[in-house]
Amino acid sequence: MWAVVVEAIHSGAQTGADRAGTGMRFRTHNNLYTLTDAGDGAWYISGNEKYCPKATLVTLREPVQVGHRCAFNIASPTFDQRRNPVTTTTVLEIME
């Protein structure tokens, strides 16, 4: 199942409800993130002390890829939307 999720993320595909709850981890220069499929194109991300210290509902702006930054919009009415998208440092490794 992990390989299916990673392929869906890499291809930019929307994931289905049957994959909700599955996920992956990825490492950047500064953090180790956990990304979990929330279904309907939404994701939970955690791993950044400032923006997502605990699982935070987001939408990905682009697929997670090694050598690129990961950009996501935080989907919370209490988050200052002028700060979206949040962008990580370069992704170094994707772990299934």
Protein backbone atom coordinates (compact mmCIF):
# COMPACT_ATOMS: atom_id res chain seq x y z
CA MET A 1 0.00 0.00 0.00
CA TRP A 2 2.86 2.43 0.75
CA ALA A 3 4.15 2.13 -2.79
CA VAL A 4 0.70 3.07 -4.12
CA VAL A 5 0.58 6.16 -1.90
CA VAL A 6 4.11 7.22 -2.85
CA GLU A 7 3.28 6.76 -6.55
CA ALA A 8 0.07 8.78 -6.14
CA ILE A 9 2.02 11.58 -4.46
CA HIS A 10 4.77 11.50 -7.07
CA SER A 11 2.31 11.56 -9.97
CA GLY A 12 0.23 14.31 -8.39
CA ALA A 13 -2.84 12.07 -8.45
CA GLN A 14 -5.68 12.61 -6.04
CA THR A 15 -5.99 9.68 -3.66
CA GLY A 16 -9.22 7.83 -3.01
CA ALA A 17 -11.06 7.16 0.20
CA ASP A 18 -9.71 3.59 0.15
CA ARG A 19 -6.24 4.99 0.87
CA ALA A 20 -7.22 7.40 3.64
CA GLY A 21 -4.98 6.87 6.66
CA THR A 22 -1.99 5.61 4.68
CA GLY A 23 1.09 7.74 4.37
CA MET A 24 4.81 8.22 4.16
CA ARG A 25 7.68 10.14 5.71
CA PHE A 26 10.14 12.47 4.03
CA ARG A 27 13.29 14.17 5.24
CA THR A 28 14.37 17.70 4.35
CA HIS A 29 17.51 19.60 5.34
CA ASN A 30 15.81 20.67 8.57
CA ASN A 31 13.00 18.25 9.47
CA LEU A 32 11.50 14.79 9.23
CA TYR A 33 7.87 15.03 8.09
CA THR A 34 5.03 12.53 8.27
CA LEU A 35 2.40 12.82 5.53
CA THR A 36 -0.88 10.90 5.92
CA ASP A 37 -3.70 10.72 3.37
CA ALA A 38 -6.88 12.29 4.78
CA GLY A 39 -8.90 11.42 1.65
CA ASP A 40 -10.45 13.65 -1.01
CA GLY A 41 -7.10 15.22 -1.91
CA ALA A 42 -6.37 16.40 1.64
CA TRP A 43 -3.39 15.37 3.78
CA TYR A 44 -2.25 15.53 7.37
CA ILE A 45 1.34 16.69 7.78
CA SER A 46 3.49 16.96 10.89
CA GLY A 47 7.16 17.48 11.59
CA ASN A 48 7.76 21.23 11.61
CA GLU A 49 7.86 22.83 15.06
CA LYS A 50 6.46 26.16 13.83
CA TYR A 51 3.86 25.23 11.21
CA CYS A 52 2.81 21.64 11.91
CA PRO A 53 4.13 20.25 15.21
CA LYS A 54 1.14 17.87 15.27
CA ALA A 55 -0.94 16.45 12.42
CA THR A 56 -2.28 19.45 10.49
CA LEU A 57 -4.78 19.30 7.63
CA VAL A 58 -3.25 20.59 4.38
CA THR A 59 -3.53 20.44 0.62
CA LEU A 60 -0.35 19.76 -1.33
CA ARG A 61 0.54 22.31 -4.00
CA GLU A 62 2.69 19.80 -5.87
CA PRO A 63 3.90 16.21 -5.50
CA VAL A 64 6.60 15.48 -2.94
CA GLN A 65 9.83 14.82 -4.86
CA VAL A 66 13.46 14.35 -3.86
CA GLY A 67 15.48 17.41 -4.86
CA HIS A 68 12.47 19.75 -4.70
CA ARG A 69 10.77 21.70 -1.97
CA CYS A 70 7.37 20.57 -0.70
CA ALA A 71 4.71 23.31 -0.76
CA PHE A 72 1.37 22.98 1.02
CA ASN A 73 -1.55 25.13 2.12
CA ILE A 74 -2.66 24.85 5.72
CA ALA A 75 -6.44 24.44 5.76
CA SER A 76 -7.23 26.03 9.11
CA PRO A 77 -9.40 29.12 9.58
CA THR A 78 -7.11 30.21 12.43
CA PHE A 79 -3.97 30.11 10.24
CA ASP A 80 -2.92 33.42 8.65
CA GLN A 81 -3.71 32.59 5.01
CA ARG A 82 -1.23 35.24 3.84
CA ARG A 83 1.47 32.79 4.95
CA ASN A 84 0.25 30.10 2.51
CA PRO A 85 1.77 28.25 0.87
CA VAL A 86 4.17 26.91 3.46
CA THR A 87 7.32 25.63 1.73
CA THR A 88 9.85 23.19 3.18
CA THR A 89 13.55 23.10 2.49
CA THR A 90 14.69 20.67 -0.20
CA VAL A 91 13.44 17.08 0.18
CA LEU A 92 16.46 14.80 0.64
CA GLU A 93 14.77 11.41 1.08
CA ILE A 94 11.32 9.80 0.85
CA MET A 95 10.75 6.85 3.15
CA GLU A 96 7.95 4.36 2.74
